[in-house]
Amino acid sequence: MVEYITKRFFELDHVINLRWGTRIFVTLPMRITDKFGEMLGSYIEPGKRNICCVTHVESSYEITPEVSESVNICRKNKIYVYNQLVLTLEASKRFQNVATRIAMKKVGIDPY
């Protein structure tokens, strides 16, 4: 289904960035296989179209070796992985959020 949707979007000339929002990296990281990463990565054309995945890691406890492996599969296929976490001034000072950002960066997830 993901391949079908991705293909349909990129048949439209004006679509240049595809952003997949999902918590699959945390909830079912084993679903991100090499075959899946290669399939998504095959749609990327530098300078023409791009794909990224946005997840929502809520705690540093959610960063596991399986999460690291699933992110690595995407990154080696040129798919950037970002994390969506609301960072207000107060929230960015909480040690839990700081620990989460550090843990995410270590496995290749870019917080924004």
PDB file of N, CA and C in Angstrom:
ATOM      1  N   MET A   1       0.825  -1.189   0.000  1.00  0.00           N
ATOM      2  CA  MET A   1       0.000   0.000   0.000  1.00  0.00           C
ATOM      3  C   MET A   1       0.876   1.261   0.000  1.00  0.00           C
ATOM      4  N   VAL A   2       1.963   1.242   0.772  1.00  0.00           N
ATOM      5  CA  VAL A   2       2.864   2.400   0.812  1.00  0.00           C
ATOM      6  C   VAL A   2       3.471   2.650  -0.559  1.00  0.00           C
ATOM      7  N   GLU A   3       3.875   1.573  -1.223  1.00  0.00           N
ATOM      8  CA  GLU A   3       4.455   1.727  -2.562  1.00  0.00           C
ATOM      9  C   GLU A   3       3.424   2.290  -3.536  1.00  0.00           C
ATOM     10  N   TYR A   4       2.207   1.814  -3.472  1.00  0.00           N
ATOM     11  CA  TYR A   4       1.145   2.293  -4.360  1.00  0.00           C
ATOM     12  C   TYR A   4       0.909   3.792  -4.155  1.00  0.00           C
ATOM     13  N   ILE A   5       0.795   4.208  -2.894  1.00  0.00           N
ATOM     14  CA  ILE A   5       0.548   5.627  -2.597  1.00  0.00           C
ATOM     15  C   ILE A   5       1.729   6.483  -3.029  1.00  0.00           C
ATOM     16  N   THR A   6       2.934   6.033  -2.733  1.00  0.00           N
ATOM     17  CA  THR A   6       4.139   6.784  -3.120  1.00  0.00           C
ATOM     18  C   THR A   6       4.203   6.947  -4.637  1.00  0.00           C
ATOM     19  N   LYS A   7       3.972   5.877  -5.340  1.00  0.00           N
ATOM     20  CA  LYS A   7       4.009   5.929  -6.809  1.00  0.00           C
ATOM     21  C   LYS A   7       2.967   6.899  -7.351  1.00  0.00           C
ATOM     22  N   ARG A   8       1.761   6.852  -6.805  1.00  0.00           N
ATOM     23  CA  ARG A   8       0.695   7.742  -7.277  1.00  0.00           C
ATOM     24  C   ARG A   8       1.035   9.211  -7.022  1.00  0.00           C
ATOM     25  N   PHE A   9       1.592   9.507  -5.853  1.00  0.00           N
ATOM     26  CA  PHE A   9       1.975  10.894  -5.562  1.00  0.00           C
ATOM     27  C   PHE A   9       3.032  11.387  -6.534  1.00  0.00           C
ATOM     28  N   PHE A  10       4.026  10.566  -6.808  1.00  0.00           N
ATOM     29  CA  PHE A  10       5.113  11.010  -7.665  1.00  0.00           C
ATOM     30  C   PHE A  10       4.762  10.977  -9.160  1.00  0.00           C
ATOM     31  N   GLU A  11       3.590  10.481  -9.498  1.00  0.00           N
ATOM     32  CA  GLU A  11       3.099  10.633 -10.868  1.00  0.00           C
ATOM     33  C   GLU A  11       2.643  12.069 -11.123  1.00  0.00           C
ATOM     34  N   LEU A  12       2.409  12.803 -10.047  1.00  0.00           N
ATOM     35  CA  LEU A  12       2.024  14.214 -10.145  1.00  0.00           C
ATOM     36  C   LEU A  12       3.301  15.055 -10.203  1.00  0.00           C
ATOM     37  N   ASP A  13       3.477  15.792 -11.272  1.00  0.00           N
ATOM     38  CA  ASP A  13       4.714  16.546 -11.486  1.00  0.00           C
ATOM     39  C   ASP A  13       4.998  17.576 -10.401  1.00  0.00           C
ATOM     40  N   HIS A  14       3.962  18.134  -9.800  1.00  0.00           N
ATOM     41  CA  HIS A  14       4.178  19.197  -8.821  1.00  0.00           C
ATOM     42  C   HIS A  14       4.554  18.673  -7.434  1.00  0.00           C
ATOM     43  N   VAL A  15       4.480  17.374  -7.203  1.00  0.00           N
ATOM     44  CA  VAL A  15       4.868  16.806  -5.905  1.00  0.00           C
ATOM     45  C   VAL A  15       6.367  16.548  -5.927  1.00  0.00           C
ATOM     46  N   ILE A  16       7.084  17.265  -5.066  1.00  0.00           N
ATOM     47  CA  ILE A  16       8.538  17.092  -5.023  1.00  0.00           C
ATOM     48  C   ILE A  16       9.020  16.555  -3.678  1.00  0.00           C
ATOM     49  N   ASN A  17       8.227  16.728  -2.636  1.00  0.00           N
ATOM     50  CA  ASN A  17       8.581  16.215  -1.315  1.00  0.00           C
ATOM     51  C   ASN A  17       7.433  15.383  -0.775  1.00  0.00           C
ATOM     52  N   LEU A  18       7.763  14.186  -0.334  1.00  0.00           N
ATOM     53  CA  LEU A  18       6.765  13.317   0.278  1.00  0.00           C
ATOM     54  C   LEU A  18       7.189  13.081   1.717  1.00  0.00           C
ATOM     55  N   ARG A  19       6.308  13.386   2.638  1.00  0.00           N
ATOM     56  CA  ARG A  19       6.592  13.274   4.068  1.00  0.00           C
ATOM     57  C   ARG A  19       5.662  12.214   4.650  1.00  0.00           C
ATOM     58  N   TRP A  20       6.247  11.093   5.052  1.00  0.00           N
ATOM     59  CA  TRP A  20       5.476  10.038   5.690  1.00  0.00           C
ATOM     60  C   TRP A  20       5.537  10.247   7.201  1.00  0.00           C
ATOM     61  N   GLY A  21       4.404  10.461   7.838  1.00  0.00           N
ATOM     62  CA  GLY A  21       4.338  10.582   9.292  1.00  0.00           C
ATOM     63  C   GLY A  21       3.906   9.257   9.891  1.00  0.00           C
ATOM     64  N   THR A  22       4.700   8.722  10.793  1.00  0.00           N
ATOM     65  CA  THR A  22       4.410   7.399  11.347  1.00  0.00           C
ATOM     66  C   THR A  22       5.141   7.173  12.669  1.00  0.00           C
ATOM     67  N   ARG A  23       4.551   6.340  13.505  1.00  0.00           N
ATOM     68  CA  ARG A  23       5.240   5.897  14.718  1.00  0.00           C
ATOM     69  C   ARG A  23       5.750   4.467  14.561  1.00  0.00           C
ATOM     70  N   ILE A  24       5.788   3.977  13.345  1.00  0.00           N
ATOM     71  CA  ILE A  24       6.184   2.593  13.109  1.00  0.00           C
ATOM     72  C   ILE A  24       7.617   2.320  13.569  1.00  0.00           C
ATOM     73  N   PHE A  25       8.478   3.329  13.550  1.00  0.00           N
ATOM     74  CA  PHE A  25       9.855   3.140  14.011  1.00  0.00           C
ATOM     75  C   PHE A  25       9.883   2.719  15.477  1.00  0.00           C
ATOM     76  N   VAL A  26       8.925   3.196  16.251  1.00  0.00           N
ATOM     77  CA  VAL A  26       8.857   2.891  17.675  1.00  0.00           C
ATOM     78  C   VAL A  26       7.964   1.683  17.942  1.00  0.00           C
ATOM     79  N   THR A  27       6.820   1.623  17.290  1.00  0.00           N
ATOM     80  CA  THR A  27       5.843   0.587  17.617  1.00  0.00           C
ATOM     81  C   THR A  27       6.092  -0.747  16.919  1.00  0.00           C
ATOM     82  N   LEU A  28       6.518  -0.711  15.657  1.00  0.00           N
ATOM     83  CA  LEU A  28       6.774  -1.938  14.881  1.00  0.00           C
ATOM     84  C   LEU A  28       8.025  -1.784  14.024  1.00  0.00           C
ATOM     85  N   PRO A  29       9.182  -1.555  14.633  1.00  0.00           N
ATOM     86  CA  PRO A  29      10.383  -1.289  13.831  1.00  0.00           C
ATOM     87  C   PRO A  29      10.766  -2.434  12.902  1.00  0.00           C
ATOM     88  N   MET A  30      10.327  -3.648  13.224  1.00  0.00           N
ATOM     89  CA  MET A  30      10.672  -4.792  12.367  1.00  0.00           C
ATOM     90  C   MET A  30       9.986  -4.726  11.012  1.00  0.00           C
ATOM     91  N   ARG A  31       8.991  -3.842  10.846  1.00  0.00           N
ATOM     92  CA  ARG A  31       8.319  -3.678   9.555  1.00  0.00           C
ATOM     93  C   ARG A  31       9.171  -2.889   8.560  1.00  0.00           C
ATOM     94  N   ILE A  32      10.164  -2.168   9.063  1.00  0.00           N
ATOM     95  CA  ILE A  32      11.080  -1.434   8.183  1.00  0.00           C
ATOM     96  C   ILE A  32      12.194  -2.406   7.807  1.00  0.00           C
ATOM     97  N   THR A  33      12.038  -3.035   6.675  1.00  0.00           N
ATOM     98  CA  THR A  33      13.010  -4.029   6.210  1.00  0.00           C
ATOM     99  C   THR A  33      13.911  -3.411   5.144  1.00  0.00           C
ATOM    100  N   ASP A  34      14.968  -4.129   4.800  1.00  0.00           N
ATOM    101  CA  ASP A  34      15.843  -3.664   3.722  1.00  0.00           C
ATOM    102  C   ASP A  34      15.054  -3.496   2.429  1.00  0.00           C
ATOM    103  N   LYS A  35      14.172  -4.434   2.141  1.00  0.00           N
ATOM    104  CA  LYS A  35      13.364  -4.378   0.922  1.00  0.00           C
ATOM    105  C   LYS A  35      12.479  -3.127   0.932  1.00  0.00           C
ATOM    106  N   PHE A  36      11.876  -2.827   2.078  1.00  0.00           N
ATOM    107  CA  PHE A  36      11.021  -1.649   2.199  1.00  0.00           C
ATOM    108  C   PHE A  36      11.838  -0.374   2.005  1.00  0.00           C
ATOM    109  N   GLY A  37      13.001  -0.296   2.657  1.00  0.00           N
ATOM    110  CA  GLY A  37      13.869   0.875   2.516  1.00  0.00           C
ATOM    111  C   GLY A  37      14.319   1.082   1.081  1.00  0.00           C
ATOM    112  N   GLU A  38      14.686   0.002   0.408  1.00  0.00           N
ATOM    113  CA  GLU A  38      15.101   0.089  -0.996  1.00  0.00           C
ATOM    114  C   GLU A  38      13.948   0.544  -1.888  1.00  0.00           C
ATOM    115  N   MET A  39      12.743   0.064  -1.591  1.00  0.00           N
ATOM    116  CA  MET A  39      11.581   0.463  -2.379  1.00  0.00           C
ATOM    117  C   MET A  39      11.338   1.963  -2.243  1.00  0.00           C
ATOM    118  N   LEU A  40      11.301   2.459  -1.011  1.00  0.00           N
ATOM    119  CA  LEU A  40      11.067   3.895  -0.822  1.00  0.00           C
ATOM    120  C   LEU A  40      12.208   4.716  -1.404  1.00  0.00           C
ATOM    121  N   GLY A  41      13.437   4.275  -1.169  1.00  0.00           N
ATOM    122  CA  GLY A  41      14.605   4.995  -1.672  1.00  0.00           C
ATOM    123  C   GLY A  41      14.670   5.048  -3.188  1.00  0.00           C
ATOM    124  N   SER A  42      14.050   4.085  -3.849  1.00  0.00           N
ATOM    125  CA  SER A  42      14.087   4.062  -5.314  1.00  0.00           C
ATOM    126  C   SER A  42      13.303   5.214  -5.934  1.00  0.00           C
ATOM    127  N   TYR A  43      12.435   5.843  -5.176  1.00  0.00           N
ATOM    128  CA  TYR A  43      11.649   6.966  -5.694  1.00  0.00           C
ATOM    129  C   TYR A  43      12.364   8.308  -5.550  1.00  0.00           C
ATOM    130  N   ILE A  44      13.464   8.336  -4.839  1.00  0.00           N
ATOM    131  CA  ILE A  44      14.193   9.587  -4.624  1.00  0.00           C
ATOM    132  C   ILE A  44      15.032   9.914  -5.852  1.00  0.00           C
ATOM    133  N   GLU A  45      14.909  11.137  -6.322  1.00  0.00           N
ATOM    134  CA  GLU A  45      15.727  11.647  -7.412  1.00  0.00           C
ATOM    135  C   GLU A  45      16.307  12.974  -6.946  1.00  0.00           C
ATOM    136  N   PRO A  46      17.603  13.004  -6.603  1.00  0.00           N
ATOM    137  CA  PRO A  46      18.194  14.244  -6.087  1.00  0.00           C
ATOM    138  C   PRO A  46      17.925  15.429  -7.015  1.00  0.00           C
ATOM    139  N   GLY A  47      17.481  16.513  -6.426  1.00  0.00           N
ATOM    140  CA  GLY A  47      17.167  17.709  -7.187  1.00  0.00           C
ATOM    141  C   GLY A  47      15.778  17.709  -7.795  1.00  0.00           C
ATOM    142  N   LYS A  48      15.087  16.553  -7.735  1.00  0.00           N
ATOM    143  CA  LYS A  48      13.753  16.477  -8.323  1.00  0.00           C
ATOM    144  C   LYS A  48      12.687  16.080  -7.306  1.00  0.00           C
ATOM    145  N   ARG A  49      12.967  15.019  -6.533  1.00  0.00           N
ATOM    146  CA  ARG A  49      11.996  14.578  -5.542  1.00  0.00           C
ATOM    147  C   ARG A  49      12.690  13.959  -4.342  1.00  0.00           C
ATOM    148  N   ASN A  50      12.023  14.064  -3.207  1.00  0.00           N
ATOM    149  CA  ASN A  50      12.610  13.614  -1.958  1.00  0.00           C
ATOM    150  C   ASN A  50      11.536  12.955  -1.096  1.00  0.00           C
ATOM    151  N   ILE A  51      11.976  12.055  -0.235  1.00  0.00           N
ATOM    152  CA  ILE A  51      11.078  11.397   0.722  1.00  0.00           C
ATOM    153  C   ILE A  51      11.718  11.507   2.100  1.00  0.00           C
ATOM    154  N   CYS A  52      10.894  11.814   3.090  1.00  0.00           N
ATOM    155  CA  CYS A  52      11.368  11.766   4.470  1.00  0.00           C
ATOM    156  C   CYS A  52      10.302  11.099   5.329  1.00  0.00           C
ATOM    157  N   CYS A  53      10.707  10.598   6.453  1.00  0.00           N
ATOM    158  CA  CYS A  53       9.791  10.013   7.424  1.00  0.00           C
ATOM    159  C   CYS A  53       9.860  10.850   8.695  1.00  0.00           C
ATOM    160  N   VAL A  54       8.708  11.095   9.257  1.00  0.00           N
ATOM    161  CA  VAL A  54       8.634  11.846  10.513  1.00  0.00           C
ATOM    162  C   VAL A  54       7.970  10.943  11.533  1.00  0.00           C
ATOM    163  N   THR A  55       8.632  10.753  12.644  1.00  0.00           N
ATOM    164  CA  THR A  55       8.096   9.914  13.707  1.00  0.00           C
ATOM    165  C   THR A  55       7.810  10.779  14.928  1.00  0.00           C
ATOM    166  N   HIS A  56       7.386  10.158  15.996  1.00  0.00           N
ATOM    167  CA  HIS A  56       7.079  10.893  17.218  1.00  0.00           C
ATOM    168  C   HIS A  56       7.587  10.072  18.402  1.00  0.00           C
ATOM    169  N   VAL A  57       8.867  10.206  18.674  1.00  0.00           N
ATOM    170  CA  VAL A  57       9.466   9.549  19.829  1.00  0.00           C
ATOM    171  C   VAL A  57       9.130  10.404  21.044  1.00  0.00           C
ATOM    172  N   GLU A  58       8.553   9.790  22.043  1.00  0.00           N
ATOM    173  CA  GLU A  58       8.106  10.536  23.213  1.00  0.00           C
ATOM    174  C   GLU A  58       9.048  10.432  24.399  1.00  0.00           C
ATOM    175  N   SER A  59       9.942   9.451  24.383  1.00  0.00           N
ATOM    176  CA  SER A  59      10.821   9.233  25.521  1.00  0.00           C
ATOM    177  C   SER A  59      12.107   8.554  25.058  1.00  0.00           C
ATOM    178  N   SER A  60      13.180   8.800  25.790  1.00  0.00           N
ATOM    179  CA  SER A  60      14.437   8.134  25.457  1.00  0.00           C
ATOM    180  C   SER A  60      14.330   6.623  25.662  1.00  0.00           C
ATOM    181  N   TYR A  61      13.367   6.180  26.470  1.00  0.00           N
ATOM    182  CA  TYR A  61      13.163   4.747  26.675  1.00  0.00           C
ATOM    183  C   TYR A  61      12.665   4.050  25.417  1.00  0.00           C
ATOM    184  N   GLU A  62      12.114   4.817  24.477  1.00  0.00           N
ATOM    185  CA  GLU A  62      11.616   4.231  23.241  1.00  0.00           C
ATOM    186  C   GLU A  62      12.727   3.967  22.227  1.00  0.00           C
ATOM    187  N   ILE A  63      13.910   4.482  22.468  1.00  0.00           N
ATOM    188  CA  ILE A  63      15.042   4.259  21.561  1.00  0.00           C
ATOM    189  C   ILE A  63      15.665   2.909  21.910  1.00  0.00           C
ATOM    190  N   THR A  64      15.453   1.943  21.037  1.00  0.00           N
ATOM    191  CA  THR A  64      15.937   0.581  21.251  1.00  0.00           C
ATOM    192  C   THR A  64      16.865   0.194  20.100  1.00  0.00           C
ATOM    193  N   PRO A  65      17.566  -0.915  20.210  1.00  0.00           N
ATOM    194  CA  PRO A  65      18.379  -1.373  19.077  1.00  0.00           C
ATOM    195  C   PRO A  65      17.546  -1.596  17.814  1.00  0.00           C
ATOM    196  N   GLU A  66      16.295  -2.024  17.974  1.00  0.00           N
ATOM    197  CA  GLU A  66      15.428  -2.233  16.815  1.00  0.00           C
ATOM    198  C   GLU A  66      15.076  -0.909  16.140  1.00  0.00           C
ATOM    199  N   VAL A  67      14.849   0.123  16.942  1.00  0.00           N
ATOM    200  CA  VAL A  67      14.595   1.453  16.386  1.00  0.00           C
ATOM    201  C   VAL A  67      15.828   1.919  15.617  1.00  0.00           C
ATOM    202  N   SER A  68      16.982   1.728  16.214  1.00  0.00           N
ATOM    203  CA  SER A  68      18.231   2.124  15.571  1.00  0.00           C
ATOM    204  C   SER A  68      18.402   1.436  14.223  1.00  0.00           C
ATOM    205  N   GLU A  69      18.119   0.148  14.163  1.00  0.00           N
ATOM    206  CA  GLU A  69      18.260  -0.604  12.910  1.00  0.00           C
ATOM    207  C   GLU A  69      17.274  -0.115  11.854  1.00  0.00           C
ATOM    208  N   SER A  70      16.030   0.138  12.251  1.00  0.00           N
ATOM    209  CA  SER A  70      15.036   0.591  11.273  1.00  0.00           C
ATOM    210  C   SER A  70      15.392   1.971  10.726  1.00  0.00           C
ATOM    211  N   VAL A  71      15.899   2.851  11.580  1.00  0.00           N
ATOM    212  CA  VAL A  71      16.332   4.180  11.124  1.00  0.00           C
ATOM    213  C   VAL A  71      17.534   4.037  10.192  1.00  0.00           C
ATOM    214  N   ASN A  72      18.454   3.150  10.533  1.00  0.00           N
ATOM    215  CA  ASN A  72      19.639   2.931   9.707  1.00  0.00           C
ATOM    216  C   ASN A  72      19.253   2.451   8.308  1.00  0.00           C
ATOM    217  N   ILE A  73      18.256   1.598   8.215  1.00  0.00           N
ATOM    218  CA  ILE A  73      17.793   1.118   6.907  1.00  0.00           C
ATOM    219  C   ILE A  73      17.323   2.294   6.059  1.00  0.00           C
ATOM    220  N   CYS A  74      16.562   3.185   6.667  1.00  0.00           N
ATOM    221  CA  CYS A  74      16.078   4.353   5.914  1.00  0.00           C
ATOM    222  C   CYS A  74      17.226   5.272   5.536  1.00  0.00           C
ATOM    223  N   ARG A  75      18.098   5.549   6.477  1.00  0.00           N
ATOM    224  CA  ARG A  75      19.182   6.490   6.215  1.00  0.00           C
ATOM    225  C   ARG A  75      20.118   5.988   5.112  1.00  0.00           C
ATOM    226  N   LYS A  76      20.390   4.681   5.071  1.00  0.00           N
ATOM    227  CA  LYS A  76      21.285   4.182   4.031  1.00  0.00           C
ATOM    228  C   LYS A  76      20.618   4.191   2.659  1.00  0.00           C
ATOM    229  N   ASN A  77      19.293   4.367   2.627  1.00  0.00           N
ATOM    230  CA  ASN A  77      18.571   4.510   1.364  1.00  0.00           C
ATOM    231  C   ASN A  77      18.202   5.967   1.091  1.00  0.00           C
ATOM    232  N   LYS A  78      18.920   6.888   1.744  1.00  0.00           N
ATOM    233  CA  LYS A  78      18.793   8.334   1.521  1.00  0.00           C
ATOM    234  C   LYS A  78      17.459   8.907   1.972  1.00  0.00           C
ATOM    235  N   ILE A  79      16.816   8.235   2.919  1.00  0.00           N
ATOM    236  CA  ILE A  79      15.556   8.716   3.475  1.00  0.00           C
ATOM    237  C   ILE A  79      15.865   9.312   4.848  1.00  0.00           C
ATOM    238  N   TYR A  80      15.627  10.605   4.978  1.00  0.00           N
ATOM    239  CA  TYR A  80      15.866  11.259   6.255  1.00  0.00           C
ATOM    240  C   TYR A  80      14.746  10.908   7.223  1.00  0.00           C
ATOM    241  N   VAL A  81      15.095  10.795   8.501  1.00  0.00           N
ATOM    242  CA  VAL A  81      14.113  10.503   9.536  1.00  0.00           C
ATOM    243  C   VAL A  81      14.164  11.646  10.543  1.00  0.00           C
ATOM    244  N   TYR A  82      13.018  12.268  10.738  1.00  0.00           N
ATOM    245  CA  TYR A  82      12.897  13.382  11.670  1.00  0.00           C
ATOM    246  C   TYR A  82      11.958  12.992  12.799  1.00  0.00           C
ATOM    247  N   ASN A  83      12.042  13.716  13.886  1.00  0.00           N
ATOM    248  CA  ASN A  83      11.132  13.506  14.998  1.00  0.00           C
ATOM    249  C   ASN A  83      10.359  14.787  15.261  1.00  0.00           C
ATOM    250  N   GLN A  84       9.082  14.628  15.477  1.00  0.00           N
ATOM    251  CA  GLN A  84       8.234  15.773  15.775  1.00  0.00           C
ATOM    252  C   GLN A  84       7.968  15.789  17.266  1.00  0.00           C
ATOM    253  N   LEU A  85       8.533  16.754  17.948  1.00  0.00           N
ATOM    254  CA  LEU A  85       8.344  16.929  19.379  1.00  0.00           C
ATOM    255  C   LEU A  85       8.180  18.412  19.628  1.00  0.00           C
ATOM    256  N   VAL A  86       7.100  18.772  20.277  1.00  0.00           N
ATOM    257  CA  VAL A  86       6.855  20.186  20.543  1.00  0.00           C
ATOM    258  C   VAL A  86       7.894  20.674  21.545  1.00  0.00           C
ATOM    259  N   LEU A  87       8.688  21.645  21.124  1.00  0.00           N
ATOM    260  CA  LEU A  87       9.744  22.162  21.985  1.00  0.00           C
ATOM    261  C   LEU A  87       9.471  23.627  22.323  1.00  0.00           C
ATOM    262  N   THR A  88       8.771  23.814  23.410  1.00  0.00           N
ATOM    263  CA  THR A  88       8.627  25.165  23.930  1.00  0.00           C
ATOM    264  C   THR A  88       9.860  25.456  24.767  1.00  0.00           C
ATOM    265  N   LEU A  89      10.021  26.680  25.189  1.00  0.00           N
ATOM    266  CA  LEU A  89      11.174  27.031  26.009  1.00  0.00           C
ATOM    267  C   LEU A  89      11.212  26.188  27.273  1.00  0.00           C
ATOM    268  N   GLU A  90      10.061  26.005  27.897  1.00  0.00           N
ATOM    269  CA  GLU A  90      10.009  25.219  29.139  1.00  0.00           C
ATOM    270  C   GLU A  90      10.299  23.739  28.881  1.00  0.00           C
ATOM    271  N   ALA A  91       9.693  23.199  27.816  1.00  0.00           N
ATOM    272  CA  ALA A  91       9.870  21.775  27.520  1.00  0.00           C
ATOM    273  C   ALA A  91      11.300  21.447  27.123  1.00  0.00           C
ATOM    274  N   SER A  92      11.973  22.367  26.445  1.00  0.00           N
ATOM    275  CA  SER A  92      13.334  22.079  25.990  1.00  0.00           C
ATOM    276  C   SER A  92      14.334  22.026  27.136  1.00  0.00           C
ATOM    277  N   LYS A  93      13.946  22.533  28.295  1.00  0.00           N
ATOM    278  CA  LYS A  93      14.843  22.497  29.454  1.00  0.00           C
ATOM    279  C   LYS A  93      14.633  21.261  30.316  1.00  0.00           C
ATOM    280  N   ARG A  94      13.566  20.527  30.093  1.00  0.00           N
ATOM    281  CA  ARG A  94      13.307  19.334  30.894  1.00  0.00           C
ATOM    282  C   ARG A  94      14.331  18.266  30.575  1.00  0.00           C
ATOM    283  N   PHE A  95      14.884  17.664  31.593  1.00  0.00           N
ATOM    284  CA  PHE A  95      15.948  16.685  31.373  1.00  0.00           C
ATOM    285  C   PHE A  95      15.464  15.498  30.553  1.00  0.00           C
ATOM    286  N   GLN A  96      14.172  15.136  30.673  1.00  0.00           N
ATOM    287  CA  GLN A  96      13.661  14.008  29.898  1.00  0.00           C
ATOM    288  C   GLN A  96      13.724  14.308  28.401  1.00  0.00           C
ATOM    289  N   ASN A  97      13.353  15.517  28.024  1.00  0.00           N
ATOM    290  CA  ASN A  97      13.376  15.879  26.605  1.00  0.00           C
ATOM    291  C   ASN A  97      14.802  16.018  26.087  1.00  0.00           C
ATOM    292  N   VAL A  98      15.690  16.508  26.928  1.00  0.00           N
ATOM    293  CA  VAL A  98      17.095  16.601  26.529  1.00  0.00           C
ATOM    294  C   VAL A  98      17.650  15.192  26.302  1.00  0.00           C
ATOM    295  N   ALA A  99      17.342  14.275  27.210  1.00  0.00           N
ATOM    296  CA  ALA A  99      17.804  12.889  27.069  1.00  0.00           C
ATOM    297  C   ALA A  99      17.216  12.246  25.812  1.00  0.00           C
ATOM    298  N   THR A 100      15.967  12.564  25.513  1.00  0.00           N
ATOM    299  CA  THR A 100      15.332  12.016  24.313  1.00  0.00           C
ATOM    300  C   THR A 100      16.007  12.537  23.057  1.00  0.00           C
ATOM    301  N   ARG A 101      16.293  13.832  23.004  1.00  0.00           N
ATOM    302  CA  ARG A 101      16.964  14.399  21.827  1.00  0.00           C
ATOM    303  C   ARG A 101      18.348  13.798  21.635  1.00  0.00           C
ATOM    304  N   ILE A 102      19.090  13.608  22.714  1.00  0.00           N
ATOM    305  CA  ILE A 102      20.429  13.016  22.622  1.00  0.00           C
ATOM    306  C   ILE A 102      20.334  11.572  22.113  1.00  0.00           C
ATOM    307  N   ALA A 103      19.394  10.804  22.656  1.00  0.00           N
ATOM    308  CA  ALA A 103      19.229   9.406  22.240  1.00  0.00           C
ATOM    309  C   ALA A 103      18.824   9.317  20.767  1.00  0.00           C
ATOM    310  N   MET A 104      17.941  10.216  20.332  1.00  0.00           N
ATOM    311  CA  MET A 104      17.514  10.201  18.927  1.00  0.00           C
ATOM    312  C   MET A 104      18.673  10.516  17.998  1.00  0.00           C
ATOM    313  N   LYS A 105      19.464  11.517  18.324  1.00  0.00           N
ATOM    314  CA  LYS A 105      20.603  11.887  17.469  1.00  0.00           C
ATOM    315  C   LYS A 105      21.590  10.732  17.350  1.00  0.00           C
ATOM    316  N   LYS A 106      21.763   9.970  18.426  1.00  0.00           N
ATOM    317  CA  LYS A 106      22.693   8.852  18.395  1.00  0.00           C
ATOM    318  C   LYS A 106      22.280   7.768  17.407  1.00  0.00           C
ATOM    319  N   VAL A 107      20.965   7.610  17.172  1.00  0.00           N
ATOM    320  CA  VAL A 107      20.506   6.568  16.248  1.00  0.00           C
ATOM    321  C   VAL A 107      20.168   7.126  14.869  1.00  0.00           C
ATOM    322  N   GLY A 108      20.322   8.439  14.657  1.00  0.00           N
ATOM    323  CA  GLY A 108      20.112   9.000  13.326  1.00  0.00           C
ATOM    324  C   GLY A 108      18.789   9.694  13.105  1.00  0.00           C
ATOM    325  N   ILE A 109      18.039   9.933  14.168  1.00  0.00           N
ATOM    326  CA  ILE A 109      16.775  10.670  14.048  1.00  0.00           C
ATOM    327  C   ILE A 109      17.087  12.143  14.351  1.00  0.00           C
ATOM    328  N   ASP A 110      16.698  13.011  13.430  1.00  0.00           N
ATOM    329  CA  ASP A 110      16.927  14.447  13.620  1.00  0.00           C
ATOM    330  C   ASP A 110      15.709  15.092  14.251  1.00  0.00           C
ATOM    331  N   PRO A 111      15.861  15.638  15.449  1.00  0.00           N
ATOM    332  CA  PRO A 111      14.719  16.338  16.057  1.00  0.00           C
ATOM    333  C   PRO A 111      14.504  17.683  15.383  1.00  0.00           C
ATOM    334  N   TYR A 112      13.267  18.093  15.284  1.00  0.00           N
ATOM    335  CA  TYR A 112      12.979  19.439  14.776  1.00  0.00           C
ATOM    336  C   TYR A 112      11.796  20.016  15.487  1.00  0.00           C
TER     337      TYR A 112
END
